[in-house]
Amino acid sequence: MAFTPSKDQKRREREQKKLDKRMAREDARAEKLDALQTAEEEAAEQAAQEAAKMSEADIQAKLEADFEAELEAEAKANAERELEMAY
């Protein structure tokens, strides 16, 4: 006689699959955030080293360029978050 899983067992399996997928997505997001933070820290360290070598006018121009780059990165991150939230 063939074994057929009960409705409860099928439901638990579906719920476990959903949980596994959610955990995988959360892990991927966490890894992505870690990578972004590491990249930002490295960029900040490199910028600090470069700033030590620059003149005052160069420093001001660099700060403005960095600020614009940050704004652009934040806008891109917000757009990605909104896109993810849409799903």
PDB file of N, CA and C in Angstrom:
ATOM      1  N   MET A   1       0.848  -1.168   0.000  1.00  0.00           N
ATOM      2  CA  MET A   1       0.000   0.000   0.000  1.00  0.00           C
ATOM      3  C   MET A   1       0.902   1.242   0.000  1.00  0.00           C
ATOM      4  N   ALA A   2       0.583   2.201  -0.820  1.00  0.00           N
ATOM      5  CA  ALA A   2       1.395   3.417  -0.960  1.00  0.00           C
ATOM      6  C   ALA A   2       1.120   4.377   0.192  1.00  0.00           C
ATOM      7  N   PHE A   3       2.168   5.068   0.572  1.00  0.00           N
ATOM      8  CA  PHE A   3       2.047   6.057   1.640  1.00  0.00           C
ATOM      9  C   PHE A   3       1.725   7.406   1.019  1.00  0.00           C
ATOM     10  N   THR A   4       0.692   8.066   1.509  1.00  0.00           N
ATOM     11  CA  THR A   4       0.368   9.415   1.049  1.00  0.00           C
ATOM     12  C   THR A   4       0.448  10.347   2.253  1.00  0.00           C
ATOM     13  N   PRO A   5       1.146  11.466   2.087  1.00  0.00           N
ATOM     14  CA  PRO A   5       1.281  12.382   3.219  1.00  0.00           C
ATOM     15  C   PRO A   5      -0.060  13.026   3.573  1.00  0.00           C
ATOM     16  N   SER A   6      -0.214  13.304   4.839  1.00  0.00           N
ATOM     17  CA  SER A   6      -1.449  13.922   5.297  1.00  0.00           C
ATOM     18  C   SER A   6      -1.476  15.391   4.891  1.00  0.00           C
ATOM     19  N   LYS A   7      -2.642  15.991   4.998  1.00  0.00           N
ATOM     20  CA  LYS A   7      -2.773  17.410   4.657  1.00  0.00           C
ATOM     21  C   LYS A   7      -1.901  18.256   5.583  1.00  0.00           C
ATOM     22  N   ASP A   8      -1.864  17.892   6.848  1.00  0.00           N
ATOM     23  CA  ASP A   8      -1.042  18.644   7.789  1.00  0.00           C
ATOM     24  C   ASP A   8       0.435  18.544   7.436  1.00  0.00           C
ATOM     25  N   GLN A   9       0.858  17.379   7.050  1.00  0.00           N
ATOM     26  CA  GLN A   9       2.265  17.202   6.677  1.00  0.00           C
ATOM     27  C   GLN A   9       2.587  18.023   5.429  1.00  0.00           C
ATOM     28  N   LYS A  10       1.698  18.024   4.458  1.00  0.00           N
ATOM     29  CA  LYS A  10       1.907  18.818   3.245  1.00  0.00           C
ATOM     30  C   LYS A  10       1.965  20.312   3.593  1.00  0.00           C
ATOM     31  N   ARG A  11       1.072  20.743   4.467  1.00  0.00           N
ATOM     32  CA  ARG A  11       1.049  22.142   4.886  1.00  0.00           C
ATOM     33  C   ARG A  11       2.352  22.514   5.576  1.00  0.00           C
ATOM     34  N   ARG A  12       2.822  21.655   6.483  1.00  0.00           N
ATOM     35  CA  ARG A  12       4.091  21.919   7.185  1.00  0.00           C
ATOM     36  C   ARG A  12       5.250  22.000   6.201  1.00  0.00           C
ATOM     37  N   GLU A  13       5.244  21.125   5.196  1.00  0.00           N
ATOM     38  CA  GLU A  13       6.306  21.159   4.184  1.00  0.00           C
ATOM     39  C   GLU A  13       6.272  22.457   3.390  1.00  0.00           C
ATOM     40  N   ARG A  14       5.060  22.907   3.016  1.00  0.00           N
ATOM     41  CA  ARG A  14       4.937  24.180   2.289  1.00  0.00           C
ATOM     42  C   ARG A  14       5.431  25.343   3.150  1.00  0.00           C
ATOM     43  N   GLU A  15       5.015  25.343   4.414  1.00  0.00           N
ATOM     44  CA  GLU A  15       5.434  26.414   5.319  1.00  0.00           C
ATOM     45  C   GLU A  15       6.951  26.396   5.522  1.00  0.00           C
ATOM     46  N   GLN A  16       7.531  25.207   5.599  1.00  0.00           N
ATOM     47  CA  GLN A  16       8.982  25.100   5.771  1.00  0.00           C
ATOM     48  C   GLN A  16       9.703  25.631   4.532  1.00  0.00           C
ATOM     49  N   LYS A  17       9.173  25.324   3.347  1.00  0.00           N
ATOM     50  CA  LYS A  17       9.778  25.838   2.112  1.00  0.00           C
ATOM     51  C   LYS A  17       9.729  27.363   2.100  1.00  0.00           C
ATOM     52  N   LYS A  18       8.583  27.929   2.495  1.00  0.00           N
ATOM     53  CA  LYS A  18       8.455  29.386   2.544  1.00  0.00           C
ATOM     54  C   LYS A  18       9.458  29.975   3.534  1.00  0.00           C
ATOM     55  N   LEU A  19       9.578  29.333   4.682  1.00  0.00           N
ATOM     56  CA  LEU A  19      10.513  29.815   5.700  1.00  0.00           C
ATOM     57  C   LEU A  19      11.954  29.735   5.189  1.00  0.00           C
ATOM     58  N   ASP A  20      12.285  28.640   4.518  1.00  0.00           N
ATOM     59  CA  ASP A  20      13.633  28.484   3.964  1.00  0.00           C
ATOM     60  C   ASP A  20      13.933  29.576   2.939  1.00  0.00           C
ATOM     61  N   LYS A  21      12.968  29.865   2.067  1.00  0.00           N
ATOM     62  CA  LYS A  21      13.164  30.912   1.067  1.00  0.00           C
ATOM     63  C   LYS A  21      13.335  32.272   1.737  1.00  0.00           C
ATOM     64  N   ARG A  22      12.512  32.556   2.728  1.00  0.00           N
ATOM     65  CA  ARG A  22      12.603  33.836   3.432  1.00  0.00           C
ATOM     66  C   ARG A  22      13.962  33.976   4.115  1.00  0.00           C
ATOM     67  N   MET A  23      14.410  32.917   4.750  1.00  0.00           N
ATOM     68  CA  MET A  23      15.713  32.957   5.430  1.00  0.00           C
ATOM     69  C   MET A  23      16.840  33.167   4.415  1.00  0.00           C
ATOM     70  N   ALA A  24      16.732  32.532   3.253  1.00  0.00           N
ATOM     71  CA  ALA A  24      17.743  32.698   2.210  1.00  0.00           C
ATOM     72  C   ALA A  24      17.766  34.148   1.725  1.00  0.00           C
ATOM     73  N   ARG A  25      16.587  34.751   1.543  1.00  0.00           N
ATOM     74  CA  ARG A  25      16.524  36.152   1.119  1.00  0.00           C
ATOM     75  C   ARG A  25      17.139  37.060   2.180  1.00  0.00           C
ATOM     76  N   GLU A  26      16.803  36.816   3.443  1.00  0.00           N
ATOM     77  CA  GLU A  26      17.346  37.638   4.527  1.00  0.00           C
ATOM     78  C   GLU A  26      18.863  37.489   4.615  1.00  0.00           C
ATOM     79  N   ASP A  27      19.355  36.279   4.440  1.00  0.00           N
ATOM     80  CA  ASP A  27      20.803  36.055   4.453  1.00  0.00           C
ATOM     81  C   ASP A  27      21.477  36.799   3.308  1.00  0.00           C
ATOM     82  N   ALA A  28      20.851  36.754   2.142  1.00  0.00           N
ATOM     83  CA  ALA A  28      21.412  37.456   0.979  1.00  0.00           C
ATOM     84  C   ALA A  28      21.432  38.960   1.225  1.00  0.00           C
ATOM     85  N   ARG A  29      20.369  39.490   1.808  1.00  0.00           N
ATOM     86  CA  ARG A  29      20.330  40.925   2.127  1.00  0.00           C
ATOM     87  C   ARG A  29      21.416  41.275   3.137  1.00  0.00           C
ATOM     88  N   ALA A  30      21.574  40.439   4.157  1.00  0.00           N
ATOM     89  CA  ALA A  30      22.584  40.706   5.178  1.00  0.00           C
ATOM     90  C   ALA A  30      23.987  40.693   4.563  1.00  0.00           C
ATOM     91  N   GLU A  31      24.240  39.729   3.684  1.00  0.00           N
ATOM     92  CA  GLU A  31      25.548  39.664   3.023  1.00  0.00           C
ATOM     93  C   GLU A  31      25.765  40.894   2.151  1.00  0.00           C
ATOM     94  N   LYS A  32      24.711  41.320   1.471  1.00  0.00           N
ATOM     95  CA  LYS A  32      24.808  42.497   0.608  1.00  0.00           C
ATOM     96  C   LYS A  32      25.105  43.740   1.456  1.00  0.00           C
ATOM     97  N   LEU A  33      24.414  43.880   2.583  1.00  0.00           N
ATOM     98  CA  LEU A  33      24.659  45.020   3.466  1.00  0.00           C
ATOM     99  C   LEU A  33      26.077  44.987   4.026  1.00  0.00           C
ATOM    100  N   ASP A  34      26.547  43.805   4.407  1.00  0.00           N
ATOM    101  CA  ASP A  34      27.913  43.676   4.902  1.00  0.00           C
ATOM    102  C   ASP A  34      28.924  44.092   3.843  1.00  0.00           C
ATOM    103  N   ALA A  35      28.677  43.669   2.620  1.00  0.00           N
ATOM    104  CA  ALA A  35      29.577  44.021   1.525  1.00  0.00           C
ATOM    105  C   ALA A  35      29.570  45.527   1.288  1.00  0.00           C
ATOM    106  N   LEU A  36      28.381  46.135   1.355  1.00  0.00           N
ATOM    107  CA  LEU A  36      28.293  47.583   1.168  1.00  0.00           C
ATOM    108  C   LEU A  36      29.018  48.328   2.290  1.00  0.00           C
ATOM    109  N   GLN A  37      28.835  47.877   3.524  1.00  0.00           N
ATOM    110  CA  GLN A  37      29.495  48.519   4.649  1.00  0.00           C
ATOM    111  C   GLN A  37      31.004  48.389   4.537  1.00  0.00           C
ATOM    112  N   THR A  38      31.471  47.225   4.141  1.00  0.00           N
ATOM    113  CA  THR A  38      32.906  47.006   3.979  1.00  0.00           C
ATOM    114  C   THR A  38      33.448  47.923   2.887  1.00  0.00           C
ATOM    115  N   ALA A  39      32.719  48.020   1.792  1.00  0.00           N
ATOM    116  CA  ALA A  39      33.154  48.884   0.690  1.00  0.00           C
ATOM    117  C   ALA A  39      33.178  50.341   1.128  1.00  0.00           C
ATOM    118  N   GLU A  40      32.165  50.757   1.898  1.00  0.00           N
ATOM    119  CA  GLU A  40      32.127  52.135   2.387  1.00  0.00           C
ATOM    120  C   GLU A  40      33.284  52.410   3.334  1.00  0.00           C
ATOM    121  N   GLU A  41      33.575  51.459   4.213  1.00  0.00           N
ATOM    122  CA  GLU A  41      34.685  51.633   5.152  1.00  0.00           C
ATOM    123  C   GLU A  41      36.017  51.731   4.412  1.00  0.00           C
ATOM    124  N   GLU A  42      36.190  50.879   3.412  1.00  0.00           N
ATOM    125  CA  GLU A  42      37.425  50.915   2.625  1.00  0.00           C
ATOM    126  C   GLU A  42      37.539  52.232   1.867  1.00  0.00           C
ATOM    127  N   ALA A  43      36.417  52.684   1.322  1.00  0.00           N
ATOM    128  CA  ALA A  43      36.418  53.952   0.587  1.00  0.00           C
ATOM    129  C   ALA A  43      36.732  55.115   1.528  1.00  0.00           C
ATOM    130  N   ALA A  44      36.177  55.072   2.727  1.00  0.00           N
ATOM    131  CA  ALA A  44      36.435  56.132   3.689  1.00  0.00           C
ATOM    132  C   ALA A  44      37.910  56.134   4.108  1.00  0.00           C
ATOM    133  N   GLU A  45      38.462  54.953   4.313  1.00  0.00           N
ATOM    134  CA  GLU A  45      39.875  54.854   4.687  1.00  0.00           C
ATOM    135  C   GLU A  45      40.762  55.376   3.561  1.00  0.00           C
ATOM    136  N   GLN A  46      40.440  54.985   2.344  1.00  0.00           N
ATOM    137  CA  GLN A  46      41.214  55.448   1.199  1.00  0.00           C
ATOM    138  C   GLN A  46      41.064  56.960   1.033  1.00  0.00           C
ATOM    139  N   ALA A  47      39.870  57.477   1.248  1.00  0.00           N
ATOM    140  CA  ALA A  47      39.643  58.916   1.140  1.00  0.00           C
ATOM    141  C   ALA A  47      40.431  59.658   2.216  1.00  0.00           C
ATOM    142  N   ALA A  48      40.497  59.081   3.404  1.00  0.00           N
ATOM    143  CA  ALA A  48      41.263  59.722   4.475  1.00  0.00           C
ATOM    144  C   ALA A  48      42.744  59.780   4.112  1.00  0.00           C
ATOM    145  N   GLN A  49      43.257  58.725   3.517  1.00  0.00           N
ATOM    146  CA  GLN A  49      44.657  58.721   3.100  1.00  0.00           C
ATOM    147  C   GLN A  49      44.903  59.749   2.007  1.00  0.00           C
ATOM    148  N   GLU A  50      43.970  59.838   1.064  1.00  0.00           N
ATOM    149  CA  GLU A  50      44.114  60.807  -0.017  1.00  0.00           C
ATOM    150  C   GLU A  50      43.977  62.231   0.499  1.00  0.00           C
ATOM    151  N   ALA A  51      43.080  62.418   1.464  1.00  0.00           N
ATOM    152  CA  ALA A  51      42.853  63.755   2.012  1.00  0.00           C
ATOM    153  C   ALA A  51      44.104  64.289   2.705  1.00  0.00           C
ATOM    154  N   ALA A  52      44.857  63.409   3.296  1.00  0.00           N
ATOM    155  CA  ALA A  52      46.077  63.838   3.967  1.00  0.00           C
ATOM    156  C   ALA A  52      47.082  64.403   2.966  1.00  0.00           C
ATOM    157  N   LYS A  53      46.978  64.003   1.725  1.00  0.00           N
ATOM    158  CA  LYS A  53      47.914  64.434   0.702  1.00  0.00           C
ATOM    159  C   LYS A  53      47.448  65.670  -0.060  1.00  0.00           C
ATOM    160  N   MET A  54      46.182  66.026   0.058  1.00  0.00           N
ATOM    161  CA  MET A  54      45.612  67.083  -0.768  1.00  0.00           C
ATOM    162  C   MET A  54      45.718  68.457  -0.115  1.00  0.00           C
ATOM    163  N   SER A  55      45.635  69.473  -0.938  1.00  0.00           N
ATOM    164  CA  SER A  55      45.592  70.837  -0.428  1.00  0.00           C
ATOM    165  C   SER A  55      44.176  71.148   0.038  1.00  0.00           C
ATOM    166  N   GLU A  56      43.982  72.292   0.651  1.00  0.00           N
ATOM    167  CA  GLU A  56      42.680  72.673   1.196  1.00  0.00           C
ATOM    168  C   GLU A  56      41.620  72.777   0.087  1.00  0.00           C
ATOM    169  N   ALA A  57      41.930  73.367  -1.037  1.00  0.00           N
ATOM    170  CA  ALA A  57      40.964  73.496  -2.131  1.00  0.00           C
ATOM    171  C   ALA A  57      40.617  72.127  -2.694  1.00  0.00           C
ATOM    172  N   ASP A  58      41.608  71.288  -2.812  1.00  0.00           N
ATOM    173  CA  ASP A  58      41.359  69.933  -3.301  1.00  0.00           C
ATOM    174  C   ASP A  58      40.461  69.166  -2.338  1.00  0.00           C
ATOM    175  N   ILE A  59      40.679  69.384  -1.052  1.00  0.00           N
ATOM    176  CA  ILE A  59      39.862  68.705  -0.031  1.00  0.00           C
ATOM    177  C   ILE A  59      38.402  69.125  -0.174  1.00  0.00           C
ATOM    178  N   GLN A  60      38.154  70.431  -0.339  1.00  0.00           N
ATOM    179  CA  GLN A  60      36.782  70.915  -0.471  1.00  0.00           C
ATOM    180  C   GLN A  60      36.110  70.322  -1.712  1.00  0.00           C
ATOM    181  N   ALA A  61      36.821  70.295  -2.822  1.00  0.00           N
ATOM    182  CA  ALA A  61      36.262  69.725  -4.050  1.00  0.00           C
ATOM    183  C   ALA A  61      35.973  68.237  -3.877  1.00  0.00           C
ATOM    184  N   LYS A  62      36.879  67.544  -3.201  1.00  0.00           N
ATOM    185  CA  LYS A  62      36.699  66.103  -2.962  1.00  0.00           C
ATOM    186  C   LYS A  62      35.482  65.858  -2.065  1.00  0.00           C
ATOM    187  N   LEU A  63      35.305  66.674  -1.026  1.00  0.00           N
ATOM    188  CA  LEU A  63      34.161  66.522  -0.133  1.00  0.00           C
ATOM    189  C   LEU A  63      32.848  66.705  -0.893  1.00  0.00           C
ATOM    190  N   GLU A  64      32.807  67.697  -1.757  1.00  0.00           N
ATOM    191  CA  GLU A  64      31.596  67.937  -2.543  1.00  0.00           C
ATOM    192  C   GLU A  64      31.319  66.761  -3.481  1.00  0.00           C
ATOM    193  N   ALA A  65      32.354  66.252  -4.117  1.00  0.00           N
ATOM    194  CA  ALA A  65      32.177  65.113  -5.014  1.00  0.00           C
ATOM    195  C   ALA A  65      31.728  63.870  -4.238  1.00  0.00           C
ATOM    196  N   ASP A  66      32.314  63.647  -3.066  1.00  0.00           N
ATOM    197  CA  ASP A  66      31.922  62.514  -2.240  1.00  0.00           C
ATOM    198  C   ASP A  66      30.473  62.624  -1.800  1.00  0.00           C
ATOM    199  N   PHE A  67      30.073  63.839  -1.429  1.00  0.00           N
ATOM    200  CA  PHE A  67      28.702  64.063  -0.993  1.00  0.00           C
ATOM    201  C   PHE A  67      27.728  63.747  -2.123  1.00  0.00           C
ATOM    202  N   GLU A  68      28.033  64.211  -3.311  1.00  0.00           N
ATOM    203  CA  GLU A  68      27.184  63.929  -4.469  1.00  0.00           C
ATOM    204  C   GLU A  68      27.132  62.426  -4.741  1.00  0.00           C
ATOM    205  N   ALA A  69      28.255  61.751  -4.618  1.00  0.00           N
ATOM    206  CA  ALA A  69      28.301  60.303  -4.836  1.00  0.00           C
ATOM    207  C   ALA A  69      27.464  59.575  -3.784  1.00  0.00           C
ATOM    208  N   GLU A  70      27.532  60.036  -2.543  1.00  0.00           N
ATOM    209  CA  GLU A  70      26.734  59.423  -1.476  1.00  0.00           C
ATOM    210  C   GLU A  70      25.248  59.593  -1.745  1.00  0.00           C
ATOM    211  N   LEU A  71      24.859  60.804  -2.146  1.00  0.00           N
ATOM    212  CA  LEU A  71      23.453  61.047  -2.447  1.00  0.00           C
ATOM    213  C   LEU A  71      22.968  60.130  -3.564  1.00  0.00           C
ATOM    214  N   GLU A  72      23.781  59.976  -4.570  1.00  0.00           N
ATOM    215  CA  GLU A  72      23.422  59.110  -5.690  1.00  0.00           C
ATOM    216  C   GLU A  72      23.310  57.653  -5.228  1.00  0.00           C
ATOM    217  N   ALA A  73      24.250  57.221  -4.385  1.00  0.00           N
ATOM    218  CA  ALA A  73      24.219  55.842  -3.882  1.00  0.00           C
ATOM    219  C   ALA A  73      22.992  55.605  -3.009  1.00  0.00           C
ATOM    220  N   GLU A  74      22.649  56.584  -2.170  1.00  0.00           N
ATOM    221  CA  GLU A  74      21.473  56.451  -1.319  1.00  0.00           C
ATOM    222  C   GLU A  74      20.202  56.396  -2.167  1.00  0.00           C
ATOM    223  N   ALA A  75      20.142  57.224  -3.192  1.00  0.00           N
ATOM    224  CA  ALA A  75      18.967  57.225  -4.059  1.00  0.00           C
ATOM    225  C   ALA A  75      18.830  55.874  -4.750  1.00  0.00           C
ATOM    226  N   LYS A  76      19.950  55.320  -5.184  1.00  0.00           N
ATOM    227  CA  LYS A  76      19.920  54.015  -5.839  1.00  0.00           C
ATOM    228  C   LYS A  76      19.484  52.934  -4.849  1.00  0.00           C
ATOM    229  N   ALA A  77      20.020  52.981  -3.631  1.00  0.00           N
ATOM    230  CA  ALA A  77      19.653  51.992  -2.611  1.00  0.00           C
ATOM    231  C   ALA A  77      18.171  52.103  -2.270  1.00  0.00           C
ATOM    232  N   ASN A  78      17.668  53.338  -2.150  1.00  0.00           N
ATOM    233  CA  ASN A  78      16.248  53.524  -1.858  1.00  0.00           C
ATOM    234  C   ASN A  78      15.386  52.984  -2.985  1.00  0.00           C
ATOM    235  N   ALA A  79      15.806  53.210  -4.212  1.00  0.00           N
ATOM    236  CA  ALA A  79      15.050  52.703  -5.345  1.00  0.00           C
ATOM    237  C   ALA A  79      15.027  51.178  -5.335  1.00  0.00           C
ATOM    238  N   GLU A  80      16.160  50.561  -5.003  1.00  0.00           N
ATOM    239  CA  GLU A  80      16.217  49.097  -4.934  1.00  0.00           C
ATOM    240  C   GLU A  80      15.315  48.577  -3.827  1.00  0.00           C
ATOM    241  N   ARG A  81      15.326  49.258  -2.669  1.00  0.00           N
ATOM    242  CA  ARG A  81      14.477  48.839  -1.555  1.00  0.00           C
ATOM    243  C   ARG A  81      13.006  48.934  -1.934  1.00  0.00           C
ATOM    244  N   GLU A  82      12.638  50.040  -2.594  1.00  0.00           N
ATOM    245  CA  GLU A  82      11.245  50.208  -3.012  1.00  0.00           C
ATOM    246  C   GLU A  82      10.877  49.122  -4.015  1.00  0.00           C
ATOM    247  N   LEU A  83      11.787  48.780  -4.894  1.00  0.00           N
ATOM    248  CA  LEU A  83      11.533  47.732  -5.869  1.00  0.00           C
ATOM    249  C   LEU A  83      11.321  46.393  -5.166  1.00  0.00           C
ATOM    250  N   GLU A  84      12.159  46.111  -4.163  1.00  0.00           N
ATOM    251  CA  GLU A  84      12.020  44.856  -3.415  1.00  0.00           C
ATOM    252  C   GLU A  84      10.710  44.829  -2.644  1.00  0.00           C
ATOM    253  N   MET A  85      10.321  45.979  -2.094  1.00  0.00           N
ATOM    254  CA  MET A  85       9.090  46.044  -1.322  1.00  0.00           C
ATOM    255  C   MET A  85       7.866  45.853  -2.214  1.00  0.00           C
ATOM    256  N   ALA A  86       8.001  46.197  -3.486  1.00  0.00           N
ATOM    257  CA  ALA A  86       6.883  46.054  -4.411  1.00  0.00           C
ATOM    258  C   ALA A  86       6.560  44.571  -4.625  1.00  0.00           C
ATOM    259  N   TYR A  87       7.546  43.736  -4.457  1.00  0.00           N
ATOM    260  CA  TYR A  87       7.317  42.302  -4.627  1.00  0.00           C
ATOM    261  C   TYR A  87       6.962  41.735  -3.313  1.00  0.00           C
TER     262      TYR A  87
END
